[in-house]
């Protein structure tokens, strides 16, 4: 029973850490160039597209400042959307349904 409790507690900590963005993410090496944090970008993304974030990355990409947080957000309908947030201004640059060949 003690082992099961430890597993459950560990899973809870994992869940909390993953919802707050405490784990590493693709493109983390660019974070010092961003004016907003991952947590701020996540909040902007789910405000623009309510749902559950299933993937996140910080990438250099054309448009805006050239540095963006990119999130896959699964909506209530089950459809996945890509939401791009400019890492310097916090502006939503992209908010569209994920195509058949996601990035």
PDB file of N, CA and C in Angstrom:
ATOM      1  N   UNK A   1       0.813  -1.182   0.000  1.00  0.00           N
ATOM      2  CA  UNK A   1       0.000   0.000   0.000  1.00  0.00           C
ATOM      3  C   UNK A   1       0.869   1.264   0.000  1.00  0.00           C
ATOM      4  N   UNK A   2       1.946   1.234   0.740  1.00  0.00           N
ATOM      5  CA  UNK A   2       2.833   2.393   0.802  1.00  0.00           C
ATOM      6  C   UNK A   2       3.418   2.698  -0.585  1.00  0.00           C
ATOM      7  N   UNK A   3       3.807   1.672  -1.335  1.00  0.00           N
ATOM      8  CA  UNK A   3       4.364   1.851  -2.664  1.00  0.00           C
ATOM      9  C   UNK A   3       3.346   2.522  -3.582  1.00  0.00           C
ATOM     10  N   UNK A   4       2.092   2.104  -3.524  1.00  0.00           N
ATOM     11  CA  UNK A   4       1.036   2.679  -4.350  1.00  0.00           C
ATOM     12  C   UNK A   4       0.852   4.167  -4.011  1.00  0.00           C
ATOM     13  N   UNK A   5       0.907   4.518  -2.737  1.00  0.00           N
ATOM     14  CA  UNK A   5       0.765   5.916  -2.334  1.00  0.00           C
ATOM     15  C   UNK A   5       1.900   6.761  -2.893  1.00  0.00           C
ATOM     16  N   UNK A   6       3.110   6.204  -2.883  1.00  0.00           N
ATOM     17  CA  UNK A   6       4.246   6.941  -3.408  1.00  0.00           C
ATOM     18  C   UNK A   6       4.092   7.157  -4.908  1.00  0.00           C
ATOM     19  N   UNK A   7       3.584   6.160  -5.619  1.00  0.00           N
ATOM     20  CA  UNK A   7       3.372   6.292  -7.054  1.00  0.00           C
ATOM     21  C   UNK A   7       2.312   7.358  -7.318  1.00  0.00           C
ATOM     22  N   UNK A   8       1.218   7.316  -6.579  1.00  0.00           N
ATOM     23  CA  UNK A   8       0.150   8.290  -6.758  1.00  0.00           C
ATOM     24  C   UNK A   8       0.655   9.694  -6.470  1.00  0.00           C
ATOM     25  N   UNK A   9       1.410   9.870  -5.397  1.00  0.00           N
ATOM     26  CA  UNK A   9       1.955  11.187  -5.071  1.00  0.00           C
ATOM     27  C   UNK A   9       2.902  11.659  -6.167  1.00  0.00           C
ATOM     28  N   UNK A  10       3.714  10.764  -6.689  1.00  0.00           N
ATOM     29  CA  UNK A  10       4.633  11.118  -7.765  1.00  0.00           C
ATOM     30  C   UNK A  10       3.887  11.523  -9.020  1.00  0.00           C
ATOM     31  N   UNK A  11       2.818  10.811  -9.338  1.00  0.00           N
ATOM     32  CA  UNK A  11       2.026  11.142 -10.518  1.00  0.00           C
ATOM     33  C   UNK A  11       1.374  12.506 -10.351  1.00  0.00           C
ATOM     34  N   UNK A  12       0.926  12.818  -9.126  1.00  0.00           N
ATOM     35  CA  UNK A  12       0.336  14.129  -8.866  1.00  0.00           C
ATOM     36  C   UNK A  12       1.345  15.230  -9.065  1.00  0.00           C
ATOM     37  N   UNK A  13       2.561  15.019  -8.594  1.00  0.00           N
ATOM     38  CA  UNK A  13       3.615  16.023  -8.770  1.00  0.00           C
ATOM     39  C   UNK A  13       3.934  16.192 -10.248  1.00  0.00           C
ATOM     40  N   UNK A  14       3.943  15.093 -10.987  1.00  0.00           N
ATOM     41  CA  UNK A  14       4.199  15.153 -12.423  1.00  0.00           C
ATOM     42  C   UNK A  14       3.106  15.963 -13.109  1.00  0.00           C
ATOM     43  N   UNK A  15       1.861  15.728 -12.741  1.00  0.00           N
ATOM     44  CA  UNK A  15       0.745  16.446 -13.331  1.00  0.00           C
ATOM     45  C   UNK A  15       0.858  17.937 -13.033  1.00  0.00           C
ATOM     46  N   UNK A  16       1.162  18.289 -11.795  1.00  0.00           N
ATOM     47  CA  UNK A  16       1.298  19.696 -11.431  1.00  0.00           C
ATOM     48  C   UNK A  16       2.440  20.335 -12.215  1.00  0.00           C
ATOM     49  N   UNK A  17       3.568  19.666 -12.285  1.00  0.00           N
ATOM     50  CA  UNK A  17       4.711  20.220 -13.001  1.00  0.00           C
ATOM     51  C   UNK A  17       4.404  20.392 -14.480  1.00  0.00           C
ATOM     52  N   UNK A  18       3.686  19.440 -15.079  1.00  0.00           N
ATOM     53  CA  UNK A  18       3.422  19.537 -16.514  1.00  0.00           C
ATOM     54  C   UNK A  18       2.410  20.621 -16.827  1.00  0.00           C
ATOM     55  N   UNK A  19       1.500  20.920 -15.917  1.00  0.00           N
ATOM     56  CA  UNK A  19       0.527  21.967 -16.186  1.00  0.00           C
ATOM     57  C   UNK A  19       1.103  23.350 -15.936  1.00  0.00           C
ATOM     58  N   UNK A  20       2.196  23.436 -15.207  1.00  0.00           N
ATOM     59  CA  UNK A  20       2.808  24.740 -14.953  1.00  0.00           C
ATOM     60  C   UNK A  20       4.002  24.992 -15.856  1.00  0.00           C
ATOM     61  N   UNK A  21       4.358  24.032 -16.682  1.00  0.00           N
ATOM     62  CA  UNK A  21       5.460  24.229 -17.606  1.00  0.00           C
ATOM     63  C   UNK A  21       6.822  24.100 -16.961  1.00  0.00           C
ATOM     64  N   UNK A  22       6.922  23.363 -15.870  1.00  0.00           N
ATOM     65  CA  UNK A  22       8.185  23.259 -15.147  1.00  0.00           C
ATOM     66  C   UNK A  22       9.199  22.371 -15.857  1.00  0.00           C
ATOM     67  N   UNK A  23       8.779  21.543 -16.784  1.00  0.00           N
ATOM     68  CA  UNK A  23       9.691  20.650 -17.476  1.00  0.00           C
ATOM     69  C   UNK A  23      10.289  21.337 -18.699  1.00  0.00           C
ATOM     70  N   UNK A  24      11.387  20.786 -19.179  1.00  0.00           N
ATOM     71  CA  UNK A  24      12.047  21.303 -20.374  1.00  0.00           C
ATOM     72  C   UNK A  24      11.104  21.204 -21.574  1.00  0.00           C
ATOM     73  N   UNK A  25      11.333  22.059 -22.544  1.00  0.00           N
ATOM     74  CA  UNK A  25      10.528  22.049 -23.753  1.00  0.00           C
ATOM     75  C   UNK A  25      11.448  22.336 -24.938  1.00  0.00           C
ATOM     76  N   UNK A  26      11.005  21.966 -26.093  1.00  0.00           N
ATOM     77  CA  UNK A  26      11.796  22.173 -27.302  1.00  0.00           C
ATOM     78  C   UNK A  26      12.020  23.667 -27.518  1.00  0.00           C
ATOM     79  N   UNK A  27      13.263  24.060 -27.740  1.00  0.00           N
ATOM     80  CA  UNK A  27      13.596  25.455 -27.974  1.00  0.00           C
ATOM     81  C   UNK A  27      13.898  26.248 -26.715  1.00  0.00           C
ATOM     82  N   UNK A  28      13.998  25.557 -25.588  1.00  0.00           N
ATOM     83  CA  UNK A  28      14.231  26.243 -24.310  1.00  0.00           C
ATOM     84  C   UNK A  28      15.503  27.098 -24.345  1.00  0.00           C
ATOM     85  N   UNK A  29      16.454  26.750 -25.210  1.00  0.00           N
ATOM     86  CA  UNK A  29      17.698  27.512 -25.300  1.00  0.00           C
ATOM     87  C   UNK A  29      17.459  28.950 -25.773  1.00  0.00           C
ATOM     88  N   UNK A  30      16.298  29.245 -26.358  1.00  0.00           N
ATOM     89  CA  UNK A  30      15.972  30.587 -26.823  1.00  0.00           C
ATOM     90  C   UNK A  30      15.254  31.421 -25.760  1.00  0.00           C
ATOM     91  N   UNK A  31      14.953  30.848 -24.612  1.00  0.00           N
ATOM     92  CA  UNK A  31      14.129  31.509 -23.592  1.00  0.00           C
ATOM     93  C   UNK A  31      14.699  32.848 -23.136  1.00  0.00           C
ATOM     94  N   UNK A  32      16.013  32.986 -23.086  1.00  0.00           N
ATOM     95  CA  UNK A  32      16.618  34.249 -22.637  1.00  0.00           C
ATOM     96  C   UNK A  32      16.351  35.389 -23.614  1.00  0.00           C
ATOM     97  N   UNK A  33      16.009  35.053 -24.861  1.00  0.00           N
ATOM     98  CA  UNK A  33      15.709  36.072 -25.867  1.00  0.00           C
ATOM     99  C   UNK A  33      14.256  36.533 -25.805  1.00  0.00           C
ATOM    100  N   UNK A  34      13.414  35.797 -25.081  1.00  0.00           N
ATOM    101  CA  UNK A  34      11.984  36.100 -24.995  1.00  0.00           C
ATOM    102  C   UNK A  34      11.714  37.159 -23.927  1.00  0.00           C
ATOM    103  N   UNK A  35      10.698  37.974 -24.161  1.00  0.00           N
ATOM    104  CA  UNK A  35      10.279  38.972 -23.180  1.00  0.00           C
ATOM    105  C   UNK A  35       9.174  38.444 -22.276  1.00  0.00           C
ATOM    106  N   UNK A  36       8.527  37.343 -22.680  1.00  0.00           N
ATOM    107  CA  UNK A  36       7.491  36.737 -21.849  1.00  0.00           C
ATOM    108  C   UNK A  36       7.924  35.311 -21.503  1.00  0.00           C
ATOM    109  N   UNK A  37       7.397  34.801 -20.414  1.00  0.00           N
ATOM    110  CA  UNK A  37       7.746  33.451 -19.971  1.00  0.00           C
ATOM    111  C   UNK A  37       6.864  32.418 -20.646  1.00  0.00           C
ATOM    112  N   UNK A  38       7.273  31.178 -20.517  1.00  0.00           N
ATOM    113  CA  UNK A  38       6.459  30.072 -21.031  1.00  0.00           C
ATOM    114  C   UNK A  38       5.081  30.096 -20.383  1.00  0.00           C
ATOM    115  N   UNK A  39       5.021  30.293 -19.073  1.00  0.00           N
ATOM    116  CA  UNK A  39       3.726  30.314 -18.382  1.00  0.00           C
ATOM    117  C   UNK A  39       2.835  31.447 -18.891  1.00  0.00           C
ATOM    118  N   UNK A  40       3.398  32.617 -19.143  1.00  0.00           N
ATOM    119  CA  UNK A  40       2.616  33.728 -19.680  1.00  0.00           C
ATOM    120  C   UNK A  40       2.109  33.390 -21.081  1.00  0.00           C
ATOM    121  N   UNK A  41       2.970  32.806 -21.896  1.00  0.00           N
ATOM    122  CA  UNK A  41       2.574  32.427 -23.259  1.00  0.00           C
ATOM    123  C   UNK A  41       1.484  31.357 -23.232  1.00  0.00           C
ATOM    124  N   UNK A  42       1.595  30.406 -22.317  1.00  0.00           N
ATOM    125  CA  UNK A  42       0.558  29.366 -22.177  1.00  0.00           C
ATOM    126  C   UNK A  42      -0.791  29.999 -21.841  1.00  0.00           C
ATOM    127  N   UNK A  43      -0.789  30.962 -20.923  1.00  0.00           N
ATOM    128  CA  UNK A  43      -2.033  31.632 -20.522  1.00  0.00           C
ATOM    129  C   UNK A  43      -2.649  32.375 -21.708  1.00  0.00           C
ATOM    130  N   UNK A  44      -1.814  33.042 -22.503  1.00  0.00           N
ATOM    131  CA  UNK A  44      -2.290  33.755 -23.693  1.00  0.00           C
ATOM    132  C   UNK A  44      -2.889  32.764 -24.683  1.00  0.00           C
ATOM    133  N   UNK A  45      -2.208  31.635 -24.885  1.00  0.00           N
ATOM    134  CA  UNK A  45      -2.669  30.629 -25.858  1.00  0.00           C
ATOM    135  C   UNK A  45      -4.024  30.041 -25.474  1.00  0.00           C
ATOM    136  N   UNK A  46      -4.202  29.668 -24.210  1.00  0.00           N
ATOM    137  CA  UNK A  46      -5.484  29.055 -23.824  1.00  0.00           C
ATOM    138  C   UNK A  46      -6.603  30.087 -23.714  1.00  0.00           C
ATOM    139  N   UNK A  47      -6.247  31.353 -23.572  1.00  0.00           N
ATOM    140  CA  UNK A  47      -7.275  32.396 -23.631  1.00  0.00           C
ATOM    141  C   UNK A  47      -7.762  32.550 -25.074  1.00  0.00           C
ATOM    142  N   UNK A  48      -6.816  32.481 -26.020  1.00  0.00           N
ATOM    143  CA  UNK A  48      -7.161  32.591 -27.436  1.00  0.00           C
ATOM    144  C   UNK A  48      -7.867  31.340 -27.955  1.00  0.00           C
ATOM    145  N   UNK A  49      -7.498  30.182 -27.426  1.00  0.00           N
ATOM    146  CA  UNK A  49      -8.068  28.906 -27.870  1.00  0.00           C
ATOM    147  C   UNK A  49      -8.238  28.011 -26.642  1.00  0.00           C
ATOM    148  N   UNK A  50      -9.384  28.095 -25.966  1.00  0.00           N
ATOM    149  CA  UNK A  50      -9.589  27.265 -24.766  1.00  0.00           C
ATOM    150  C   UNK A  50      -9.415  25.775 -25.078  1.00  0.00           C
ATOM    151  N   UNK A  51      -8.759  25.089 -24.171  1.00  0.00           N
ATOM    152  CA  UNK A  51      -8.527  23.659 -24.326  1.00  0.00           C
ATOM    153  C   UNK A  51      -7.310  23.233 -23.532  1.00  0.00           C
ATOM    154  N   UNK A  52      -6.820  22.050 -23.851  1.00  0.00           N
ATOM    155  CA  UNK A  52      -5.669  21.477 -23.157  1.00  0.00           C
ATOM    156  C   UNK A  52      -4.446  21.528 -24.064  1.00  0.00           C
ATOM    157  N   UNK A  53      -3.357  22.090 -23.550  1.00  0.00           N
ATOM    158  CA  UNK A  53      -2.111  22.134 -24.316  1.00  0.00           C
ATOM    159  C   UNK A  53      -1.505  20.741 -24.315  1.00  0.00           C
ATOM    160  N   UNK A  54      -1.253  20.216 -25.518  1.00  0.00           N
ATOM    161  CA  UNK A  54      -0.699  18.871 -25.645  1.00  0.00           C
ATOM    162  C   UNK A  54       0.759  18.883 -26.100  1.00  0.00           C
ATOM    163  N   UNK A  55       1.223  20.021 -26.628  1.00  0.00           N
ATOM    164  CA  UNK A  55       2.613  20.137 -27.054  1.00  0.00           C
ATOM    165  C   UNK A  55       2.983  21.609 -27.034  1.00  0.00           C
ATOM    166  N   UNK A  56       4.263  21.886 -26.745  1.00  0.00           N
ATOM    167  CA  UNK A  56       4.720  23.269 -26.692  1.00  0.00           C
ATOM    168  C   UNK A  56       6.170  23.348 -27.118  1.00  0.00           C
ATOM    169  N   UNK A  57       6.510  24.465 -27.760  1.00  0.00           N
ATOM    170  CA  UNK A  57       7.902  24.691 -28.141  1.00  0.00           C
ATOM    171  C   UNK A  57       8.133  26.178 -28.330  1.00  0.00           C
ATOM    172  N   UNK A  58       9.376  26.571 -28.238  1.00  0.00           N
ATOM    173  CA  UNK A  58       9.806  27.928 -28.533  1.00  0.00           C
ATOM    174  C   UNK A  58      10.673  27.819 -29.772  1.00  0.00           C
ATOM    175  N   UNK A  59      10.315  28.569 -30.805  1.00  0.00           N
ATOM    176  CA  UNK A  59      11.002  28.395 -32.081  1.00  0.00           C
ATOM    177  C   UNK A  59      11.262  29.721 -32.776  1.00  0.00           C
ATOM    178  N   UNK A  60      12.286  29.711 -33.603  1.00  0.00           N
ATOM    179  CA  UNK A  60      12.548  30.851 -34.473  1.00  0.00           C
ATOM    180  C   UNK A  60      11.766  30.589 -35.750  1.00  0.00           C
ATOM    181  N   UNK A  61      10.873  31.530 -36.060  1.00  0.00           N
ATOM    182  CA  UNK A  61      10.014  31.369 -37.219  1.00  0.00           C
ATOM    183  C   UNK A  61       9.607  32.745 -37.722  1.00  0.00           C
ATOM    184  N   UNK A  62       9.413  32.874 -39.012  1.00  0.00           N
ATOM    185  CA  UNK A  62       9.030  34.148 -39.601  1.00  0.00           C
ATOM    186  C   UNK A  62       7.724  34.679 -39.027  1.00  0.00           C
ATOM    187  N   UNK A  63       7.560  35.977 -39.108  1.00  0.00           N
ATOM    188  CA  UNK A  63       6.365  36.632 -38.582  1.00  0.00           C
ATOM    189  C   UNK A  63       6.611  37.164 -37.185  1.00  0.00           C
ATOM    190  N   UNK A  64       6.016  38.295 -36.887  1.00  0.00           N
ATOM    191  CA  UNK A  64       6.221  38.896 -35.575  1.00  0.00           C
ATOM    192  C   UNK A  64       7.688  39.215 -35.358  1.00  0.00           C
ATOM    193  N   UNK A  65       8.172  38.926 -34.174  1.00  0.00           N
ATOM    194  CA  UNK A  65       9.570  39.205 -33.838  1.00  0.00           C
ATOM    195  C   UNK A  65      10.526  38.146 -34.378  1.00  0.00           C
ATOM    196  N   UNK A  66       9.958  37.051 -34.894  1.00  0.00           N
ATOM    197  CA  UNK A  66      10.791  35.945 -35.380  1.00  0.00           C
ATOM    198  C   UNK A  66      11.040  34.882 -34.329  1.00  0.00           C
ATOM    199  N   UNK A  67      10.522  35.100 -33.119  1.00  0.00           N
ATOM    200  CA  UNK A  67      10.649  34.121 -32.036  1.00  0.00           C
ATOM    201  C   UNK A  67       9.258  33.906 -31.459  1.00  0.00           C
ATOM    202  N   UNK A  68       8.799  32.671 -31.482  1.00  0.00           N
ATOM    203  CA  UNK A  68       7.438  32.417 -31.013  1.00  0.00           C
ATOM    204  C   UNK A  68       7.334  31.138 -30.203  1.00  0.00           C
ATOM    205  N   UNK A  69       6.396  31.180 -29.286  1.00  0.00           N
ATOM    206  CA  UNK A  69       5.968  29.979 -28.583  1.00  0.00           C
ATOM    207  C   UNK A  69       4.887  29.363 -29.454  1.00  0.00           C
ATOM    208  N   UNK A  70       4.975  28.088 -29.689  1.00  0.00           N
ATOM    209  CA  UNK A  70       3.987  27.384 -30.495  1.00  0.00           C
ATOM    210  C   UNK A  70       3.360  26.299 -29.631  1.00  0.00           C
ATOM    211  N   UNK A  71       2.029  26.267 -29.599  1.00  0.00           N
ATOM    212  CA  UNK A  71       1.301  25.314 -28.768  1.00  0.00           C
ATOM    213  C   UNK A  71       0.306  24.533 -29.608  1.00  0.00           C
ATOM    214  N   UNK A  72       0.185  23.256 -29.335  1.00  0.00           N
ATOM    215  CA  UNK A  72      -0.916  22.458 -29.855  1.00  0.00           C
ATOM    216  C   UNK A  72      -1.942  22.424 -28.744  1.00  0.00           C
ATOM    217  N   UNK A  73      -3.154  22.870 -29.050  1.00  0.00           N
ATOM    218  CA  UNK A  73      -4.221  22.943 -28.054  1.00  0.00           C
ATOM    219  C   UNK A  73      -5.373  22.074 -28.525  1.00  0.00           C
ATOM    220  N   UNK A  74      -5.727  21.099 -27.713  1.00  0.00           N
ATOM    221  CA  UNK A  74      -6.842  20.210 -28.029  1.00  0.00           C
ATOM    222  C   UNK A  74      -8.107  20.810 -27.436  1.00  0.00           C
ATOM    223  N   UNK A  75      -9.036  21.179 -28.314  1.00  0.00           N
ATOM    224  CA  UNK A  75     -10.293  21.787 -27.886  1.00  0.00           C
ATOM    225  C   UNK A  75     -11.283  20.760 -27.387  1.00  0.00           C
ATOM    226  N   UNK A  76     -12.401  21.245 -26.872  1.00  0.00           N
ATOM    227  CA  UNK A  76     -13.447  20.362 -26.343  1.00  0.00           C
ATOM    228  C   UNK A  76     -13.993  19.417 -27.408  1.00  0.00           C
ATOM    229  N   UNK A  77     -13.949  19.845 -28.665  1.00  0.00           N
ATOM    230  CA  UNK A  77     -14.456  19.013 -29.760  1.00  0.00           C
ATOM    231  C   UNK A  77     -13.511  17.857 -30.083  1.00  0.00           C
ATOM    232  N   UNK A  78     -12.293  17.915 -29.506  1.00  0.00           N
ATOM    233  CA  UNK A  78     -11.293  16.892 -29.807  1.00  0.00           C
ATOM    234  C   UNK A  78     -10.359  17.298 -30.927  1.00  0.00           C
ATOM    235  N   UNK A  79     -10.677  18.397 -31.583  1.00  0.00           N
ATOM    236  CA  UNK A  79      -9.841  18.903 -32.675  1.00  0.00           C
ATOM    237  C   UNK A  79      -8.639  19.641 -32.091  1.00  0.00           C
ATOM    238  N   UNK A  80      -7.474  19.508 -32.748  1.00  0.00           N
ATOM    239  CA  UNK A  80      -6.254  20.159 -32.281  1.00  0.00           C
ATOM    240  C   UNK A  80      -5.979  21.407 -33.105  1.00  0.00           C
ATOM    241  N   UNK A  81      -5.613  22.461 -32.405  1.00  0.00           N
ATOM    242  CA  UNK A  81      -5.314  23.749 -33.020  1.00  0.00           C
ATOM    243  C   UNK A  81      -3.870  24.131 -32.718  1.00  0.00           C
ATOM    244  N   UNK A  82      -3.249  24.858 -33.631  1.00  0.00           N
ATOM    245  CA  UNK A  82      -1.924  25.398 -33.385  1.00  0.00           C
ATOM    246  C   UNK A  82      -2.083  26.877 -33.049  1.00  0.00           C
ATOM    247  N   UNK A  83      -1.540  27.255 -31.899  1.00  0.00           N
ATOM    248  CA  UNK A  83      -1.606  28.641 -31.458  1.00  0.00           C
ATOM    249  C   UNK A  83      -0.170  29.133 -31.308  1.00  0.00           C
ATOM    250  N   UNK A  84       0.166  30.189 -32.037  1.00  0.00           N
ATOM    251  CA  UNK A  84       1.494  30.780 -31.968  1.00  0.00           C
ATOM    252  C   UNK A  84       1.443  32.105 -31.233  1.00  0.00           C
ATOM    253  N   UNK A  85       2.313  32.284 -30.249  1.00  0.00           N
ATOM    254  CA  UNK A  85       2.365  33.508 -29.452  1.00  0.00           C
ATOM    255  C   UNK A  85       3.754  34.117 -29.602  1.00  0.00           C
ATOM    256  N   UNK A  86       3.815  35.379 -30.036  1.00  0.00           N
ATOM    257  CA  UNK A  86       5.098  36.061 -30.194  1.00  0.00           C
ATOM    258  C   UNK A  86       5.797  36.119 -28.837  1.00  0.00           C
ATOM    259  N   UNK A  87       7.027  35.657 -28.787  1.00  0.00           N
ATOM    260  CA  UNK A  87       7.767  35.548 -27.526  1.00  0.00           C
ATOM    261  C   UNK A  87       8.280  36.891 -27.017  1.00  0.00           C
ATOM    262  N   UNK A  88       8.182  37.917 -27.824  1.00  0.00           N
ATOM    263  CA  UNK A  88       8.639  39.243 -27.386  1.00  0.00           C
ATOM    264  C   UNK A  88       7.474  40.161 -27.046  1.00  0.00           C
ATOM    265  N   UNK A  89       6.378  40.094 -27.818  1.00  0.00           N
ATOM    266  CA  UNK A  89       5.248  40.999 -27.598  1.00  0.00           C
ATOM    267  C   UNK A  89       4.061  40.344 -26.896  1.00  0.00           C
ATOM    268  N   UNK A  90       3.949  39.008 -26.973  1.00  0.00           N
ATOM    269  CA  UNK A  90       2.797  38.311 -26.412  1.00  0.00           C
ATOM    270  C   UNK A  90       1.594  38.299 -27.342  1.00  0.00           C
ATOM    271  N   UNK A  91       1.743  38.824 -28.540  1.00  0.00           N
ATOM    272  CA  UNK A  91       0.656  38.860 -29.524  1.00  0.00           C
ATOM    273  C   UNK A  91       0.409  37.464 -30.100  1.00  0.00           C
ATOM    274  N   UNK A  92      -0.861  37.121 -30.292  1.00  0.00           N
ATOM    275  CA  UNK A  92      -1.219  35.852 -30.932  1.00  0.00           C
ATOM    276  C   UNK A  92      -0.971  35.996 -32.431  1.00  0.00           C
ATOM    277  N   UNK A  93      -0.082  35.177 -32.963  1.00  0.00           N
ATOM    278  CA  UNK A  93       0.298  35.234 -34.374  1.00  0.00           C
ATOM    279  C   UNK A  93      -0.420  34.188 -35.211  1.00  0.00           C
ATOM    280  N   UNK A  94      -0.877  33.140 -34.558  1.00  0.00           N
ATOM    281  CA  UNK A  94      -1.505  32.025 -35.281  1.00  0.00           C
ATOM    282  C   UNK A  94      -2.515  31.363 -34.350  1.00  0.00           C
ATOM    283  N   UNK A  95      -3.644  30.991 -34.917  1.00  0.00           N
ATOM    284  CA  UNK A  95      -4.683  30.305 -34.153  1.00  0.00           C
ATOM    285  C   UNK A  95      -5.565  29.576 -35.158  1.00  0.00           C
ATOM    286  N   UNK A  96      -5.087  28.400 -35.587  1.00  0.00           N
ATOM    287  CA  UNK A  96      -5.811  27.689 -36.638  1.00  0.00           C
ATOM    288  C   UNK A  96      -5.789  26.183 -36.383  1.00  0.00           C
ATOM    289  N   UNK A  97      -6.721  25.498 -37.031  1.00  0.00           N
ATOM    290  CA  UNK A  97      -6.795  24.059 -36.912  1.00  0.00           C
ATOM    291  C   UNK A  97      -5.520  23.423 -37.451  1.00  0.00           C
ATOM    292  N   UNK A  98      -5.043  22.403 -36.745  1.00  0.00           N
ATOM    293  CA  UNK A  98      -3.846  21.677 -37.164  1.00  0.00           C
ATOM    294  C   UNK A  98      -4.187  20.896 -38.417  1.00  0.00           C
ATOM    295  N   UNK A  99      -3.308  20.943 -39.407  1.00  0.00           N
ATOM    296  CA  UNK A  99      -3.517  20.247 -40.662  1.00  0.00           C
ATOM    297  C   UNK A  99      -3.256  18.753 -40.540  1.00  0.00           C
ATOM    298  N   UNK A 100      -3.376  18.022 -41.656  1.00  0.00           N
ATOM    299  CA  UNK A 100      -3.179  16.574 -41.634  1.00  0.00           C
ATOM    300  C   UNK A 100      -1.737  16.171 -41.347  1.00  0.00           C
ATOM    301  N   UNK A 101      -0.790  17.072 -41.585  1.00  0.00           N
ATOM    302  CA  UNK A 101       0.631  16.797 -41.325  1.00  0.00           C
ATOM    303  C   UNK A 101       1.167  17.812 -40.323  1.00  0.00           C
ATOM    304  N   UNK A 102       0.869  17.626 -39.025  1.00  0.00           N
ATOM    305  CA  UNK A 102       1.299  18.615 -38.039  1.00  0.00           C
ATOM    306  C   UNK A 102       2.819  18.697 -37.958  1.00  0.00           C
ATOM    307  N   UNK A 103       3.306  19.880 -37.534  1.00  0.00           N
ATOM    308  CA  UNK A 103       4.745  20.111 -37.379  1.00  0.00           C
ATOM    309  C   UNK A 103       5.358  19.175 -36.373  1.00  0.00           C
TER     310      UNK A 103
END
